[in-house]
């Protein structure tokens, strides 16, 4: 991903939109008694589109702002999301940009891992932890929700960030294709 001032503005707007939609809309919708949680999927998508450094940076930023908007321990989501963004970015750097279905599977797995790690953080830090055997069905349902929402999110974010994306598959002689810039 090539970052210019216009692309940085687009990234910022997508991050703000994701945070606002999570706290104003998705957190209020409950299906089977479980609310949607799209932030780990958004971080995973940024990692899959931009690479490890972009994924880690955006993951930490989204996580820190998400912690500020909730009552959990400050910084825990920032650390977890930074790891998710970095790991999905490494996948992108080694395997290339995945199709939307693979991105949905990765985003679902990222949501599951984020739930487990944040449960561990809150429990170990002495907050009201939500990690128990009774939470496993909720974790599975949130993972399925993330899987279902990730493909449209991947396509939408990819379309928004299209001018900044570098696609190695379309390159000639091993050089990245930057014709969309």
Protein backbone atom coordinates (compact mmCIF):
# COMPACT_ATOMS: atom_id res chain seq x y z
CA UNK A 1 0.00 0.00 0.00
CA UNK A 2 1.30 3.40 -0.95
CA UNK A 3 0.33 6.05 1.58
CA UNK A 4 -0.29 9.58 0.34
CA UNK A 5 -2.18 12.34 2.09
CA UNK A 6 -5.41 11.42 0.28
CA UNK A 7 -5.00 7.73 1.11
CA UNK A 8 -4.23 8.57 4.76
CA UNK A 9 -7.46 10.56 4.86
CA UNK A 10 -9.38 7.60 3.39
CA UNK A 11 -7.83 5.23 5.93
CA UNK A 12 -8.72 7.62 8.76
CA UNK A 13 -12.29 7.92 7.56
CA UNK A 14 -12.67 4.15 7.29
CA UNK A 15 -11.27 3.72 10.82
CA UNK A 16 -13.60 6.38 12.26
CA UNK A 17 -16.57 4.88 10.39
CA UNK A 18 -15.73 1.39 11.70
CA UNK A 19 -15.43 2.64 15.29
CA UNK A 20 -18.65 4.65 15.09
CA UNK A 21 -20.61 1.85 13.43
CA UNK A 22 -19.35 -0.62 16.02
CA UNK A 23 -20.32 1.52 19.00
CA UNK A 24 -23.53 3.03 17.63
CA UNK A 25 -24.96 0.31 15.42
CA UNK A 26 -23.39 -3.16 15.61
CA UNK A 27 -23.15 -3.28 19.41
CA UNK A 28 -26.92 -2.74 19.64
CA UNK A 29 -27.88 -5.51 17.22
CA UNK A 30 -28.21 -8.88 18.93
CA UNK A 31 -28.85 -12.16 17.20
CA UNK A 32 -29.04 -15.25 19.41
CA UNK A 33 -28.20 -12.96 22.33
CA UNK A 34 -24.82 -12.00 20.86
CA UNK A 35 -23.92 -8.64 19.34
CA UNK A 36 -21.85 -8.15 16.20
CA UNK A 37 -18.17 -7.25 16.62
CA UNK A 38 -16.58 -6.05 13.39
CA UNK A 39 -13.41 -4.32 14.61
CA UNK A 40 -11.12 -7.40 14.51
CA UNK A 41 -12.38 -8.16 11.01
CA UNK A 42 -11.64 -4.59 9.88
CA UNK A 43 -8.12 -4.80 11.32
CA UNK A 44 -7.55 -8.16 9.61
CA UNK A 45 -8.76 -6.70 6.31
CA UNK A 46 -6.37 -3.75 6.58
CA UNK A 47 -3.55 -6.20 7.26
CA UNK A 48 -4.54 -8.30 4.26
CA UNK A 49 -4.66 -5.26 2.01
CA UNK A 50 -1.68 -3.27 3.26
CA UNK A 51 0.85 -5.62 4.81
CA UNK A 52 2.28 -6.09 8.27
CA UNK A 53 3.27 -2.52 9.12
CA UNK A 54 -0.01 -1.02 7.93
CA UNK A 55 -1.97 -3.77 9.69
CA UNK A 56 -0.10 -3.36 12.98
CA UNK A 57 -0.38 0.43 12.94
CA UNK A 58 -4.06 0.50 12.09
CA UNK A 59 -4.75 -2.35 14.51
CA UNK A 60 -3.11 -0.52 17.39
CA UNK A 61 -4.93 2.72 16.54
CA UNK A 62 -8.35 1.11 16.24
CA UNK A 63 -7.75 -0.94 19.40
CA UNK A 64 -6.64 2.06 21.44
CA UNK A 65 -9.66 4.11 20.38
CA UNK A 66 -11.95 1.12 20.99
CA UNK A 67 -10.53 0.78 24.50
CA UNK A 68 -11.16 4.47 25.09
CA UNK A 69 -14.80 4.04 24.08
CA UNK A 70 -15.44 1.03 26.33
CA UNK A 71 -14.81 0.25 29.98
CA UNK A 72 -12.11 -2.40 29.54
CA UNK A 73 -8.44 -2.11 30.39
CA UNK A 74 -6.86 0.64 28.29
CA UNK A 75 -4.40 -0.73 25.77
CA UNK A 76 -5.44 -4.38 25.78
CA UNK A 77 -7.42 -4.19 22.53
CA UNK A 78 -4.62 -2.08 21.05
CA UNK A 79 -2.11 -4.84 21.71
CA UNK A 80 -4.38 -7.63 20.53
CA UNK A 81 -5.43 -5.79 17.36
CA UNK A 82 -1.83 -4.85 16.65
CA UNK A 83 -0.92 -8.54 16.71
CA UNK A 84 -3.85 -9.42 14.48
CA UNK A 85 -2.98 -6.70 11.98
CA UNK A 86 0.66 -7.76 11.94
CA UNK A 87 -0.13 -11.47 11.52
CA UNK A 88 -2.61 -10.92 8.70
CA UNK A 89 -0.17 -8.50 7.08
CA UNK A 90 2.52 -11.17 7.16
CA UNK A 91 0.09 -13.53 5.46
CA UNK A 92 -0.46 -10.94 2.73
CA UNK A 93 3.29 -10.37 2.28
CA UNK A 94 4.01 -14.08 1.95
CA UNK A 95 0.94 -15.37 0.09
CA UNK A 96 -0.31 -12.29 -1.75
CA UNK A 97 -3.66 -10.60 -1.58
CA UNK A 98 -6.34 -13.22 -0.89
CA UNK A 99 -9.76 -13.42 -2.54
CA UNK A 100 -12.80 -12.23 -0.57
CA UNK A 101 -13.75 -15.71 0.68
CA UNK A 102 -10.28 -16.37 2.10
CA UNK A 103 -10.34 -12.91 3.67
CA UNK A 104 -13.66 -13.80 5.31
CA UNK A 105 -12.21 -16.97 6.81
CA UNK A 106 -9.15 -15.08 8.08
CA UNK A 107 -11.33 -12.30 9.53
CA UNK A 108 -13.51 -14.86 11.31
CA UNK A 109 -10.43 -16.51 12.81
CA UNK A 110 -9.09 -13.08 13.81
CA UNK A 111 -12.34 -12.32 15.63
CA UNK A 112 -12.16 -15.62 17.52
CA UNK A 113 -8.52 -15.03 18.51
CA UNK A 114 -9.27 -11.43 19.55
CA UNK A 115 -12.16 -12.59 21.75
CA UNK A 116 -10.03 -15.22 23.47
CA UNK A 117 -7.03 -12.94 23.98
CA UNK A 118 -9.12 -10.03 25.27
CA UNK A 119 -10.87 -12.42 27.63
CA UNK A 120 -7.49 -13.52 28.94
CA UNK A 121 -6.31 -9.93 29.30
CA UNK A 122 -9.37 -8.81 31.24
CA UNK A 123 -9.30 -11.88 33.47
CA UNK A 124 -5.59 -11.65 34.22
CA UNK A 125 -5.73 -7.90 34.88
CA UNK A 126 -8.53 -8.30 37.41
CA UNK A 127 -11.38 -6.78 35.46
CA UNK A 128 -14.73 -8.51 35.14
CA UNK A 129 -13.52 -11.23 32.81
CA UNK A 130 -15.86 -12.89 30.38
CA UNK A 131 -13.72 -15.90 29.55
CA UNK A 132 -15.38 -19.10 30.70
CA UNK A 133 -16.76 -22.28 29.20
CA UNK A 134 -20.18 -20.63 29.01
CA UNK A 135 -18.74 -18.01 26.64
CA UNK A 136 -17.73 -20.54 23.97
CA UNK A 137 -21.09 -20.46 22.14
CA UNK A 138 -20.93 -16.65 22.10
CA UNK A 139 -17.40 -16.80 20.69
CA UNK A 140 -18.52 -19.17 17.94
CA UNK A 141 -21.53 -17.00 17.04
CA UNK A 142 -19.38 -13.85 16.88
CA UNK A 143 -16.90 -15.71 14.70
CA UNK A 144 -19.70 -16.70 12.31
CA UNK A 145 -20.98 -13.10 12.25
CA UNK A 146 -17.47 -11.86 11.43
CA UNK A 147 -17.17 -14.45 8.67
CA UNK A 148 -20.48 -13.35 7.14
CA UNK A 149 -19.67 -9.63 7.32
CA UNK A 150 -16.02 -9.88 6.28
CA UNK A 151 -16.47 -10.53 2.54
CA UNK A 152 -18.61 -7.41 1.96
CA UNK A 153 -16.30 -5.40 4.24
CA UNK A 154 -13.25 -6.66 2.35
CA UNK A 155 -14.74 -5.66 -1.00
CA UNK A 156 -15.85 -2.25 0.33
CA UNK A 157 -12.52 -1.38 1.97
CA UNK A 158 -10.60 -2.64 -1.05
CA UNK A 159 -12.71 -0.41 -3.30
CA UNK A 160 -12.17 2.61 -1.03
CA UNK A 161 -8.40 2.07 -0.90
CA UNK A 162 -7.98 0.99 -4.55
CA UNK A 163 -5.66 3.87 -5.56
CA UNK A 164 -3.15 2.90 -2.85
CA UNK A 165 -3.07 -0.85 -3.36
CA UNK A 166 -0.19 -2.61 -5.02
CA UNK A 167 -1.09 -5.91 -6.67
CA UNK A 168 1.91 -8.15 -7.33
CA UNK A 169 -0.11 -10.56 -9.48
CA UNK A 170 -0.58 -7.97 -12.22
CA UNK A 171 3.05 -7.00 -12.34
CA UNK A 172 5.39 -7.50 -15.25
CA UNK A 173 8.91 -8.79 -14.60
CA UNK A 174 8.30 -9.07 -10.86
CA UNK A 175 7.82 -5.34 -10.32
CA UNK A 176 4.68 -4.20 -8.50
CA UNK A 177 1.86 -2.73 -10.55
CA UNK A 178 1.32 0.83 -9.39
CA UNK A 179 -0.71 1.96 -12.38
CA UNK A 180 -3.72 2.81 -10.19
CA UNK A 181 -1.81 5.64 -8.50
